[in-house]
Each structure stands twice: as structure tokens, then as C-alpha cells.
């Protein structure tokens, strides 16, 4: 019976020799997780703002159509970036750079309506996500 476990023990020991230190891995994982969370939060804020903008357009406020489209695009980009960051994908830096730019554009569009609480919240989440994604680009470069 003991002989049956020896191959598995050998495999486990050989795999552990190739794994990086746990502390470095945890720090690395935390950076990716933080970016993914910021992207998820931003995606939800943009989706909610899209619905708000659609209501505004339906009420005849056509100036919200551009913002609606910015929020849709930003939500889609943030969703994709969150997925790639969550799995520490090889395209993380590229996606995070794109996401930071989308968030900047969306925030600028929403900031044109400073008295609207929905737009203000969306702009704030976009700025948080932009900052997280810019940080991820730097982290992924290391």
C-alpha cells in the first residue's frame, strides 16, 4: 500500500520545488484581485448609469445619448478586464491600459452633468477603476 503513495509524494515534492514563494504569490494575486474588483464595481456603475441615461433620453434629453453609449462601452470593457485580471491572463496589461482609457472617457462624459447623482457616482467609479487599471499596468510590467 505504501508503494502506491510514493509516486504521488514524488510528484507533489517536484511541483513544490517549482512554485514561487507564497508571500510573493499572495502579493501578486492581491494586485490582480484588486484590479478585477475595481473593474467589476465600475461595470455595475456604468450599467446602472446606462439605464439612467436611457430614461433621460426617453424624457427628451438627447444630450444623454452620448453618455449612454460611453457607459455601455465602458461597462463592456470593464467586464472583460475584470475577467482577464481575475485569471491573471497574459493580456492583463494590455486590457488594463485599454480599460483605463475607456474609464477616463466615460468619466469625462459623466462629469459634464455634475448635478446628476447617477452620473456623479458613475464618474467616481470610473476614476477609481482608471487608477486601479493604471496601477495594474505598472504591476504587470514588473
Protein backbone atom coordinates (compact mmCIF):
# COMPACT_ATOMS: atom_id res chain seq x y z
CA UNK A 1 0.00 0.00 0.00
CA UNK A 2 2.84 2.36 0.92
CA UNK A 3 4.33 1.87 -2.55
CA UNK A 4 1.15 3.26 -4.13
CA UNK A 5 1.63 6.64 -2.47
CA UNK A 6 5.28 7.10 -3.37
CA UNK A 7 4.67 8.33 -6.96
CA UNK A 8 2.18 10.90 -5.70
CA UNK A 9 4.55 12.05 -2.97
CA UNK A 10 7.32 12.43 -5.54
CA UNK A 11 5.04 14.45 -7.83
CA UNK A 12 3.96 16.73 -5.00
CA UNK A 13 7.54 17.38 -3.96
CA UNK A 14 8.68 18.09 -7.50
CA UNK A 15 5.81 20.53 -8.10
CA UNK A 16 6.52 22.37 -4.87
CA UNK A 17 10.09 22.95 -6.00
CA UNK A 18 8.82 24.96 -8.98
CA UNK A 19 6.28 27.12 -7.14
CA UNK A 20 7.29 30.70 -6.22
CA UNK A 21 7.32 31.86 -2.63
CA UNK A 22 3.87 32.11 -1.12
CA UNK A 23 4.32 35.69 0.10
CA UNK A 24 5.25 36.98 -3.35
CA UNK A 25 2.45 34.97 -4.92
CA UNK A 26 -0.09 36.37 -2.45
CA UNK A 27 1.00 39.95 -3.14
CA UNK A 28 0.87 39.34 -6.88
CA UNK A 29 -2.57 37.71 -6.63
CA UNK A 30 -3.87 40.57 -4.46
CA UNK A 31 -2.90 43.14 -7.09
CA UNK A 32 -4.81 41.28 -9.80
CA UNK A 33 -7.79 40.74 -7.50
CA UNK A 34 -7.94 44.44 -6.56
CA UNK A 35 -7.98 45.48 -10.20
CA UNK A 36 -10.65 42.89 -11.04
CA UNK A 37 -12.82 44.18 -8.18
CA UNK A 38 -12.48 47.81 -9.28
CA UNK A 39 -13.44 46.78 -12.81
CA UNK A 40 -16.48 44.84 -11.56
CA UNK A 41 -17.62 47.79 -9.46
CA UNK A 42 -17.19 50.15 -12.39
CA UNK A 43 -19.02 47.82 -14.77
CA UNK A 44 -22.06 47.78 -12.47
CA UNK A 45 -22.00 51.57 -12.04
CA UNK A 46 -21.81 52.06 -15.80
CA UNK A 47 -24.67 49.61 -16.40
CA UNK A 48 -26.82 51.48 -13.88
CA UNK A 49 -25.88 54.79 -15.46
CA UNK A 50 -26.78 53.41 -18.90
CA UNK A 51 -30.29 52.71 -17.63
CA UNK A 52 -30.47 56.21 -16.14
CA UNK A 53 -29.30 57.78 -19.39
CA UNK A 54 -31.86 55.76 -21.37
CA UNK A 55 -34.59 57.17 -19.14
CA UNK A 56 -33.23 60.68 -19.67
CA UNK A 57 -33.17 60.19 -23.46
CA UNK A 58 -36.74 58.86 -23.36
CA UNK A 59 -37.71 62.03 -21.49
CA UNK A 60 -36.36 64.06 -24.40
CA UNK A 61 -32.88 64.87 -23.06
CA UNK A 62 -30.94 63.84 -26.14
CA UNK A 63 -27.62 65.09 -24.74
CA UNK A 64 -27.55 61.90 -22.62
CA UNK A 65 -27.32 59.65 -25.68
CA UNK A 66 -23.56 60.12 -25.98
CA UNK A 67 -23.09 59.38 -22.29
CA UNK A 68 -25.30 56.30 -22.58
CA UNK A 69 -23.02 54.93 -25.29
CA UNK A 70 -19.87 55.79 -23.32
CA UNK A 71 -21.28 53.94 -20.31
CA UNK A 72 -22.19 50.90 -22.40
CA UNK A 73 -18.72 50.67 -23.89
CA UNK A 74 -17.05 51.25 -20.54
CA UNK A 75 -19.16 48.56 -18.86
CA UNK A 76 -18.24 46.05 -21.56
CA UNK A 77 -14.54 46.89 -21.36
CA UNK A 78 -14.54 46.74 -17.55
CA UNK A 79 -16.27 43.36 -17.60
CA UNK A 80 -13.65 41.92 -19.96
CA UNK A 81 -10.79 43.43 -17.97
CA UNK A 82 -12.17 42.01 -14.72
CA UNK A 83 -12.29 38.54 -16.23
CA UNK A 84 -8.74 38.72 -17.58
CA UNK A 85 -7.37 40.14 -14.31
CA UNK A 86 -9.18 37.52 -12.24
CA UNK A 87 -7.37 34.76 -14.08
CA UNK A 88 -4.05 36.68 -14.27
CA UNK A 89 -4.18 36.37 -18.03
CA UNK A 90 -1.22 37.16 -20.27
CA UNK A 91 -3.10 40.11 -21.81
CA UNK A 92 -3.77 41.78 -18.44
CA UNK A 93 -1.52 44.81 -19.01
CA UNK A 94 -2.92 45.45 -22.48
CA UNK A 95 -6.51 45.11 -21.30
CA UNK A 96 -5.91 47.26 -18.21
CA UNK A 97 -4.42 50.00 -20.38
CA UNK A 98 -7.47 49.93 -22.63
CA UNK A 99 -9.81 49.88 -19.64
CA UNK A 100 -8.09 52.88 -18.04
CA UNK A 101 -8.65 54.86 -21.25
CA UNK A 102 -12.31 53.80 -21.51
CA UNK A 103 -12.87 54.77 -17.89
CA UNK A 104 -11.27 58.18 -18.45
CA UNK A 105 -13.55 58.88 -21.43
CA UNK A 106 -16.65 57.68 -19.60
CA UNK A 107 -15.81 59.73 -16.52
CA UNK A 108 -15.35 62.85 -18.66
CA UNK A 109 -18.74 62.27 -20.29
CA UNK A 110 -20.47 61.80 -16.93
CA UNK A 111 -18.68 64.77 -15.36
CA UNK A 112 -20.50 67.03 -17.83
CA UNK A 113 -23.55 66.53 -15.59
CA UNK A 114 -22.22 67.46 -12.12
CA UNK A 115 -25.66 67.93 -10.57
CA UNK A 116 -26.89 64.46 -11.51
CA UNK A 117 -26.22 61.97 -8.69
CA UNK A 118 -26.24 58.93 -11.02
CA UNK A 119 -23.71 60.50 -13.36
CA UNK A 120 -21.57 61.66 -10.46
CA UNK A 121 -21.46 58.15 -8.96
CA UNK A 122 -20.56 56.66 -12.33
CA UNK A 123 -17.76 59.17 -12.86
CA UNK A 124 -16.37 58.41 -9.39
CA UNK A 125 -16.33 54.65 -10.04
CA UNK A 126 -14.72 55.24 -13.43
CA UNK A 127 -11.95 57.29 -11.83
CA UNK A 128 -11.35 54.57 -9.21
CA UNK A 129 -11.19 51.93 -11.92
CA UNK A 130 -8.93 54.07 -14.07
CA UNK A 131 -6.50 54.41 -11.18
CA UNK A 132 -6.62 50.66 -10.43
CA UNK A 133 -6.01 49.79 -14.07
CA UNK A 134 -3.12 52.21 -14.38
CA UNK A 135 -1.63 50.57 -11.30
CA UNK A 136 -2.14 47.14 -12.83
CA UNK A 137 -0.30 48.18 -16.00
CA UNK A 138 2.69 49.12 -13.83
CA UNK A 139 2.42 45.97 -11.73
CA UNK A 140 2.16 43.68 -14.74
CA UNK A 141 5.26 45.28 -16.27
CA UNK A 142 7.36 44.10 -13.32
